[in-house]
C-alpha atoms as a PDB file:
ATOM      1  CA  MET A   1      18.936   6.917  19.034  1.00  0.00           C
ATOM      2  CA  ASN A   2      18.938   9.307  15.998  1.00  0.00           C
ATOM      3  CA  MET A   3      15.761  11.221  14.937  1.00  0.00           C
ATOM      4  CA  LYS A   4      14.571   9.199  12.582  1.00  0.00           C
ATOM      5  CA  LYS A   5      14.449   6.291  15.358  1.00  0.00           C
ATOM      6  CA  THR A   6      12.634   8.644  17.873  1.00  0.00           C
ATOM      7  CA  CYS A   7      10.439   9.853  15.547  1.00  0.00           C
ATOM      8  CA  ALA A   8       8.885   6.139  14.292  1.00  0.00           C
ATOM      9  CA  THR A   9       8.778   4.822  18.015  1.00  0.00           C
ATOM     10  CA  LEU A  10       6.967   7.888  19.079  1.00  0.00           C
ATOM     11  CA  ILE A  11       4.572   7.093  16.207  1.00  0.00           C
ATOM     12  CA  ALA A  12       3.689   3.645  16.797  1.00  0.00           C
ATOM     13  CA  ALA A  13       3.458   4.600  20.325  1.00  0.00           C
ATOM     14  CA  SER A  14       0.913   6.768  19.952  1.00  0.00           C
ATOM     15  CA  LEU A  15      -0.954   4.347  17.342  1.00  0.00           C
ATOM     16  CA  LEU A  16      -0.599   1.906  19.340  1.00  0.00           C
ATOM     17  CA  ALA A  17      -2.955   3.483  21.561  1.00  0.00           C
ATOM     18  CA  SER A  18      -5.509   4.676  19.109  1.00  0.00           C
ATOM     19  CA  VAL A  19      -9.094   3.072  17.616  1.00  0.00           C
ATOM     20  CA  PRO A  20      -8.996   1.965  14.566  1.00  0.00           C
ATOM     21  CA  ALA A  21      -5.782   3.389  11.601  1.00  0.00           C
ATOM     22  CA  TRP A  22      -8.699   4.791   9.123  1.00  0.00           C
ATOM     23  CA  ALA A  23     -10.171   6.922  12.401  1.00  0.00           C
ATOM     24  CA  MET A  24      -6.578   8.297  13.223  1.00  0.00           C
ATOM     25  CA  ALA A  25      -7.024  12.170  13.533  1.00  0.00           C
ATOM     26  CA  GLN A  26      -5.668  14.067  10.552  1.00  0.00           C
ATOM     27  CA  SER A  27      -2.504  15.843  11.840  1.00  0.00           C
ATOM     28  CA  ALA A  28      -1.674  19.304  12.184  1.00  0.00           C
ATOM     29  CA  VAL A  29      -0.902  21.564   9.092  1.00  0.00           C
ATOM     30  CA  ALA A  30       1.168  24.777   9.030  1.00  0.00           C
ATOM     31  CA  ALA A  31      -0.333  27.994   7.418  1.00  0.00           C
ATOM     32  CA  ASN A  32       1.305  27.368   4.315  1.00  0.00           C
ATOM     33  CA  ASP A  33      -0.228  23.768   3.849  1.00  0.00           C
ATOM     34  CA  LYS A  34       3.226  21.906   5.020  1.00  0.00           C
ATOM     35  CA  PRO A  35       3.732  19.552   7.199  1.00  0.00           C
ATOM     36  CA  VAL A  36       4.964  20.926  10.900  1.00  0.00           C
ATOM     37  CA  SER A  37       6.917  17.995  11.382  1.00  0.00           C
ATOM     38  CA  LEU A  38       7.898  14.421  10.303  1.00  0.00           C
ATOM     39  CA  GLN A  39       5.403  12.991  12.386  1.00  0.00           C
ATOM     40  CA  SER A  40       2.688  15.117  11.236  1.00  0.00           C
ATOM     41  CA  ASP A  41       4.153  14.440   7.734  1.00  0.00           C
ATOM     42  CA  VAL A  42       4.037  10.520   8.300  1.00  0.00           C
ATOM     43  CA  ASN A  43       0.779  10.293  10.120  1.00  0.00           C
ATOM     44  CA  GLN A  44      -1.092  12.753   7.071  1.00  0.00           C
ATOM     45  CA  MET A  45       0.396  10.162   4.664  1.00  0.00           C
ATOM     46  CA  THR A  46      -0.774   7.189   6.296  1.00  0.00           C
ATOM     47  CA  GLN A  47      -4.068   8.469   6.840  1.00  0.00           C
ATOM     48  CA  GLN A  48      -4.457   9.403   3.470  1.00  0.00           C
ATOM     49  CA  ALA A  49      -2.860   5.757   2.598  1.00  0.00           C
ATOM     50  CA  LEU A  50      -5.444   4.342   4.205  1.00  0.00           C
ATOM     51  CA  ASN A  51      -8.546   6.106   3.430  1.00  0.00           C
ATOM     52  CA  GLU A  52      -7.753   5.306  -0.403  1.00  0.00           C
ATOM     53  CA  LEU A  53      -6.964   1.960   0.458  1.00  0.00           C
ATOM     54  CA  SER A  54      -9.882   1.362   2.317  1.00  0.00           C
ATOM     55  CA  LYS A  55     -12.567   2.273  -0.340  1.00  0.00           C
ATOM     56  CA  LEU A  56     -10.635  -0.590  -2.347  1.00  0.00           C
ATOM     57  CA  VAL A  57     -10.082  -3.161   0.249  1.00  0.00           C
ATOM     58  CA  PRO A  58     -12.885  -2.091   3.063  1.00  0.00           C
ATOM     59  CA  GLU A  59     -11.619  -5.209   5.556  1.00  0.00           C
ATOM     60  CA  LEU A  60      -8.803  -3.025   6.386  1.00  0.00           C
ATOM     61  CA  LYS A  61     -11.158  -0.393   8.529  1.00  0.00           C
ATOM     62  CA  ASP A  62     -12.037  -3.459  11.125  1.00  0.00           C
ATOM     63  CA  PHE A  63      -7.720  -3.633  11.277  1.00  0.00           C
ATOM     64  CA  PRO A  64      -6.081  -1.440  13.722  1.00  0.00           C
ATOM     65  CA  ALA A  65      -3.124  -0.049  13.444  1.00  0.00           C
ATOM     66  CA  ILE A  66      -0.033  -1.994  14.970  1.00  0.00           C
ATOM     67  CA  SER A  67       2.722  -0.499  14.054  1.00  0.00           C
ATOM     68  CA  ILE A  68       4.369   2.480  11.290  1.00  0.00           C
ATOM     69  CA  SER A  69       7.931   2.257  10.593  1.00  0.00           C
ATOM     70  CA  THR A  70      10.175   3.933   8.487  1.00  0.00           C
ATOM     71  CA  ASP A  71      13.030   2.979   6.493  1.00  0.00           C
ATOM     72  CA  GLU A  72      16.780   4.046   7.536  1.00  0.00           C
ATOM     73  CA  ASN A  73      17.446   4.912   3.221  1.00  0.00           C
ATOM     74  CA  ASP A  74      17.922   8.656   3.286  1.00  0.00           C
ATOM     75  CA  GLY A  75      17.471   8.537  -0.487  1.00  0.00           C
ATOM     76  CA  ASP A  76      14.778   9.027  -2.481  1.00  0.00           C
ATOM     77  CA  GLU A  77      13.195   5.815  -1.473  1.00  0.00           C
ATOM     78  CA  ALA A  78      12.357   6.103   1.911  1.00  0.00           C
ATOM     79  CA  VAL A  79       9.626   4.441   3.019  1.00  0.00           C
ATOM     80  CA  ILE A  80       6.482   4.368   5.184  1.00  0.00           C
ATOM     81  CA  PHE A  81       5.673   1.007   6.267  1.00  0.00           C
ATOM     82  CA  ILE A  82       2.089   0.713   7.844  1.00  0.00           C
ATOM     83  CA  HIS A  83       1.679  -2.947   9.828  1.00  0.00           C
ATOM     84  CA  LEU A  84      -2.158  -3.441  10.302  1.00  0.00           C
ATOM     85  CA  HIS A  85      -3.143  -6.423  12.188  1.00  0.00           C
ATOM     86  CA  LYS A  86      -7.657  -7.820  12.845  1.00  0.00           C
ATOM     87  CA  ASN A  87      -6.134  -9.417  15.822  1.00  0.00           C
ATOM     88  CA  GLU A  88      -3.372  -9.884  18.246  1.00  0.00           C
ATOM     89  CA  GLN A  89      -4.093 -13.199  19.151  1.00  0.00           C
ATOM     90  CA  GLN A  90      -4.027 -14.777  16.128  1.00  0.00           C
ATOM     91  CA  LYS A  91      -1.770 -14.642  13.091  1.00  0.00           C
ATOM     92  CA  TYR A  92      -4.334 -13.891  10.176  1.00  0.00           C
ATOM     93  CA  PRO A  93      -6.064 -11.480   8.873  1.00  0.00           C
ATOM     94  CA  TYR A  94      -2.877  -8.594   8.475  1.00  0.00           C
ATOM     95  CA  ALA A  95      -2.212  -6.535   5.434  1.00  0.00           C
ATOM     96  CA  THR A  96       1.055  -4.407   5.148  1.00  0.00           C
ATOM     97  CA  ILE A  97       0.983  -0.935   3.417  1.00  0.00           C
ATOM     98  CA  GLU A  98       3.731   0.856   1.655  1.00  0.00           C
ATOM     99  CA  VAL A  99       3.607   4.648   1.132  1.00  0.00           C
ATOM    100  CA  ASP A 100       7.065   6.447  -0.512  1.00  0.00           C
ATOM    101  CA  ARG A 101       7.718   9.336   2.230  1.00  0.00           C
ATOM    102  CA  LYS A 102       8.852  12.017  -0.760  1.00  0.00           C
ATOM    103  CA  TYR A 103       5.572  11.367  -2.291  1.00  0.00           C
ATOM    104  CA  GLY A 104       3.124  10.121  -0.258  1.00  0.00           C
ATOM    105  CA  ASP A 105       1.725   7.821  -3.051  1.00  0.00           C
ATOM    106  CA  ILE A 106       1.105   4.086  -1.973  1.00  0.00           C
ATOM    107  CA  VAL A 107       3.908   1.753  -3.405  1.00  0.00           C
ATOM    108  CA  GLY A 108       3.082  -1.541  -1.851  1.00  0.00           C
ATOM    109  CA  PHE A 109       0.246  -3.342  -0.197  1.00  0.00           C
ATOM    110  CA  TYR A 110      -0.174  -6.878   1.264  1.00  0.00           C
ATOM    111  CA  ILE A 111      -3.081  -8.745   3.075  1.00  0.00           C
ATOM    112  CA  LYS A 112      -2.815 -12.214   3.979  1.00  0.00           C
ATOM    113  CA  ARG A 113      -6.378 -13.991   4.718  1.00  0.00           C
ATOM    114  CA  GLU A 114      -7.242 -16.853   6.861  1.00  0.00           C
ATOM    115  CA  ASN A 115      -8.143 -20.104   4.986  1.00  0.00           C
ATOM    116  CA  GLU A 116      -6.274 -18.211   1.463  1.00  0.00           C
ATOM    117  CA  SER A 117      -4.587 -20.361  -0.416  1.00  0.00           C
ATOM    118  CA  ASP A 118      -1.590 -19.552  -1.821  1.00  0.00           C
ATOM    119  CA  ASN A 119      -1.490 -22.216  -4.551  1.00  0.00           C
ATOM    120  CA  THR A 120      -4.055 -21.751  -6.461  1.00  0.00           C
ATOM    121  CA  PHE A 121      -5.194 -18.285  -8.820  1.00  0.00           C
ATOM    122  CA  ALA A 122      -7.690 -17.046 -10.380  1.00  0.00           C
ATOM    123  CA  ASP A 123      -7.638 -17.534 -14.594  1.00  0.00           C
ATOM    124  CA  LYS A 124      -6.289 -15.487 -16.362  1.00  0.00           C
ATOM    125  CA  GLU A 125      -9.205 -13.686 -18.123  1.00  0.00           C
ATOM    126  CA  LYS A 126     -11.113 -12.664 -14.596  1.00  0.00           C
ATOM    127  CA  ALA A 127      -7.351 -12.129 -12.821  1.00  0.00           C
ATOM    128  CA  VAL A 128      -6.335  -9.312 -15.631  1.00  0.00           C
ATOM    129  CA  GLN A 129     -10.054  -7.679 -15.211  1.00  0.00           C
ATOM    130  CA  SER A 130     -10.152  -7.392 -12.277  1.00  0.00           C
ATOM    131  CA  ALA A 131      -6.125  -6.503 -11.361  1.00  0.00           C
ATOM    132  CA  THR A 132      -7.221  -3.794 -13.995  1.00  0.00           C
ATOM    133  CA  SER A 133     -10.009  -2.049 -12.241  1.00  0.00           C
ATOM    134  CA  PHE A 134      -7.832  -1.877  -9.097  1.00  0.00           C
ATOM    135  CA  LEU A 135      -5.336  -0.341 -10.428  1.00  0.00           C
ATOM    136  CA  GLU A 136      -7.819   2.412 -12.493  1.00  0.00           C
ATOM    137  CA  GLN A 137      -9.329   3.138  -8.913  1.00  0.00           C
ATOM    138  CA  LEU A 138      -6.065   3.714  -7.072  1.00  0.00           C
ATOM    139  CA  LEU A 139      -3.854   5.241  -9.708  1.00  0.00           C
ATOM    140  CA  LYS A 140      -6.902   7.361 -11.404  1.00  0.00           C
ATOM    141  CA  GLU A 141      -5.862   9.381 -14.458  1.00  0.00           C
ATOM    142  CA  GLU A 142      -1.922   7.825 -13.769  1.00  0.00           C
ATOM    143  CA  ALA A 143      -3.248   4.211 -14.644  1.00  0.00           C
ATOM    144  CA  LYS A 144      -3.494   4.827 -17.909  1.00  0.00           C
ATOM    145  CA  GLN A 145      -0.013   5.169 -18.498  1.00  0.00           C
ATOM    146  CA  TYR A 146      -0.031   0.962 -17.434  1.00  0.00           C
ATOM    147  CA  HIS A 147      -0.546  -1.871 -20.031  1.00  0.00           C
ATOM    148  CA  VAL A 148      -0.732  -6.023 -18.871  1.00  0.00           C
ATOM    149  CA  SER A 149       2.761  -7.035 -20.213  1.00  0.00           C
ATOM    150  CA  ASP A 150       2.792  -9.503 -22.748  1.00  0.00           C
ATOM    151  CA  LYS A 151       4.081 -11.799 -19.775  1.00  0.00           C
ATOM    152  CA  SER A 152       1.163 -10.842 -17.422  1.00  0.00           C
ATOM    153  CA  TYR A 153       0.060 -13.652 -15.602  1.00  0.00           C
ATOM    154  CA  GLY A 154       3.244 -14.948 -13.275  1.00  0.00           C
ATOM    155  CA  GLN A 155       3.392 -18.277 -11.385  1.00  0.00           C
ATOM    156  CA  ASN A 156       2.063 -16.375  -8.085  1.00  0.00           C
ATOM    157  CA  GLY A 157      -0.589 -14.968  -9.732  1.00  0.00           C
ATOM    158  CA  ALA A 158       0.644 -12.129 -10.533  1.00  0.00           C
ATOM    159  CA  ILE A 159      -0.454  -9.739 -13.272  1.00  0.00           C
ATOM    160  CA  PHE A 160       2.430  -7.870 -14.349  1.00  0.00           C
ATOM    161  CA  PHE A 161       2.034  -3.697 -16.085  1.00  0.00           C
ATOM    162  CA  GLU A 162       4.136  -2.431 -18.006  1.00  0.00           C
ATOM    163  CA  ARG A 163       4.338   1.710 -17.785  1.00  0.00           C
ATOM    164  CA  LYS A 164       4.747   3.430 -21.371  1.00  0.00           C
ATOM    165  CA  ILE A 165       4.413   6.824 -22.670  1.00  0.00           C
ATOM    166  CA  ASN A 166       4.031   7.518 -25.936  1.00  0.00           C
ATOM    167  CA  GLY A 167       3.969   3.843 -26.846  1.00  0.00           C
ATOM    168  CA  VAL A 168       7.396   3.567 -24.883  1.00  0.00           C
ATOM    169  CA  SER A 169       7.949   1.249 -22.182  1.00  0.00           C
ATOM    170  CA  LEU A 170       9.340   2.708 -19.295  1.00  0.00           C
ATOM    171  CA  LEU A 171      12.186  -0.072 -17.637  1.00  0.00           C
ATOM    172  CA  GLY A 172      12.049  -0.674 -14.063  1.00  0.00           C
ATOM    173  CA  GLY A 173       8.378   1.588 -13.766  1.00  0.00           C
ATOM    174  CA  GLY A 174       6.375  -1.654 -14.054  1.00  0.00           C
ATOM    175  CA  ILE A 175       3.309  -2.863 -11.368  1.00  0.00           C
ATOM    176  CA  SER A 176       2.712  -5.779 -10.412  1.00  0.00           C
ATOM    177  CA  VAL A 177      -0.994  -6.985  -8.438  1.00  0.00           C
ATOM    178  CA  PHE A 178      -1.943  -9.956  -6.688  1.00  0.00           C
ATOM    179  CA  LEU A 179      -4.790 -12.062  -6.977  1.00  0.00           C
ATOM    180  CA  ASP A 180      -6.153 -14.556  -5.164  1.00  0.00           C
ATOM    181  CA  GLU A 181      -8.221 -18.183  -6.549  1.00  0.00           C
ATOM    182  CA  GLU A 182     -11.479 -15.444  -6.762  1.00  0.00           C
ATOM    183  CA  ALA A 183      -9.296 -12.605  -8.044  1.00  0.00           C
ATOM    184  CA  ASN A 184      -9.826 -10.659  -5.252  1.00  0.00           C
ATOM    185  CA  VAL A 185      -6.495  -8.430  -4.823  1.00  0.00           C
ATOM    186  CA  THR A 186      -4.314  -9.976  -1.989  1.00  0.00           C
ATOM    187  CA  GLY A 187      -1.192  -7.446  -3.169  1.00  0.00           C
ATOM    188  CA  PHE A 188      -0.032  -4.679  -4.967  1.00  0.00           C
ATOM    189  CA  HIS A 189       3.970  -3.476  -5.480  1.00  0.00           C
ATOM    190  CA  LYS A 190       4.886  -0.544  -7.697  1.00  0.00           C
ATOM    191  CA  ASN A 191       8.858  -0.122  -8.615  1.00  0.00           C
ATOM    192  CA  ILE A 192      10.206   3.061  -8.027  1.00  0.00           C
END
C-alpha cells in the first residue's frame, strides 16, 4: 500500500471514531506555520472547509464525518473529499465537500436532503440572488471576479458564473451553484 493510501486510511479511521466533523481538533503545526505531516495538512484543510461551509449551511454541524479521502492524482488538481452523513442508517441527508489540496480552497460541495425534488427549481431571479449571495459569503473578495453568465440558468437548477478579469472571460474558470425549488444552495462546483 502506498503512502497516500496509508495516510488516507489513517485519517478516515481516526475521524470515524470522532465526534461531529466540525468539532475536530485543530491539527499540530510546526513553528514555521507549515503542517508537520500530510495527515495534519489534510486535517487542517478539512477543519477549515467545514468551518467555512457550516456558516453558510448550518445543518452541516449536525453531520458526523463518515470518511475523508484524497485522489491519487499527483498533479495540481489533487482533491480532498470529505463525506458527511447525518445518520448511517438512512440514505439522506448526506453531503460531500471537495477541497483543493494544494491551496486549501473549497472547490466543490453537494448536499442531498431528504424529500428534495430533483426536478423542481426556483425562479431565475430568486436563484440568481441566492447563488450570488452564497458566492459572496464563501469567496469574499474573490467573488467580485465572477459574473452571472448569459446562459446563467441551467436545466438542472444551476446558476453559472464566469470568471472575468479586466472584462476578459477566463476559459475554464467558471463556477456552478446548484439550488433547490426554494433557492436553497444544494451544490457548488468551481473549475480548477
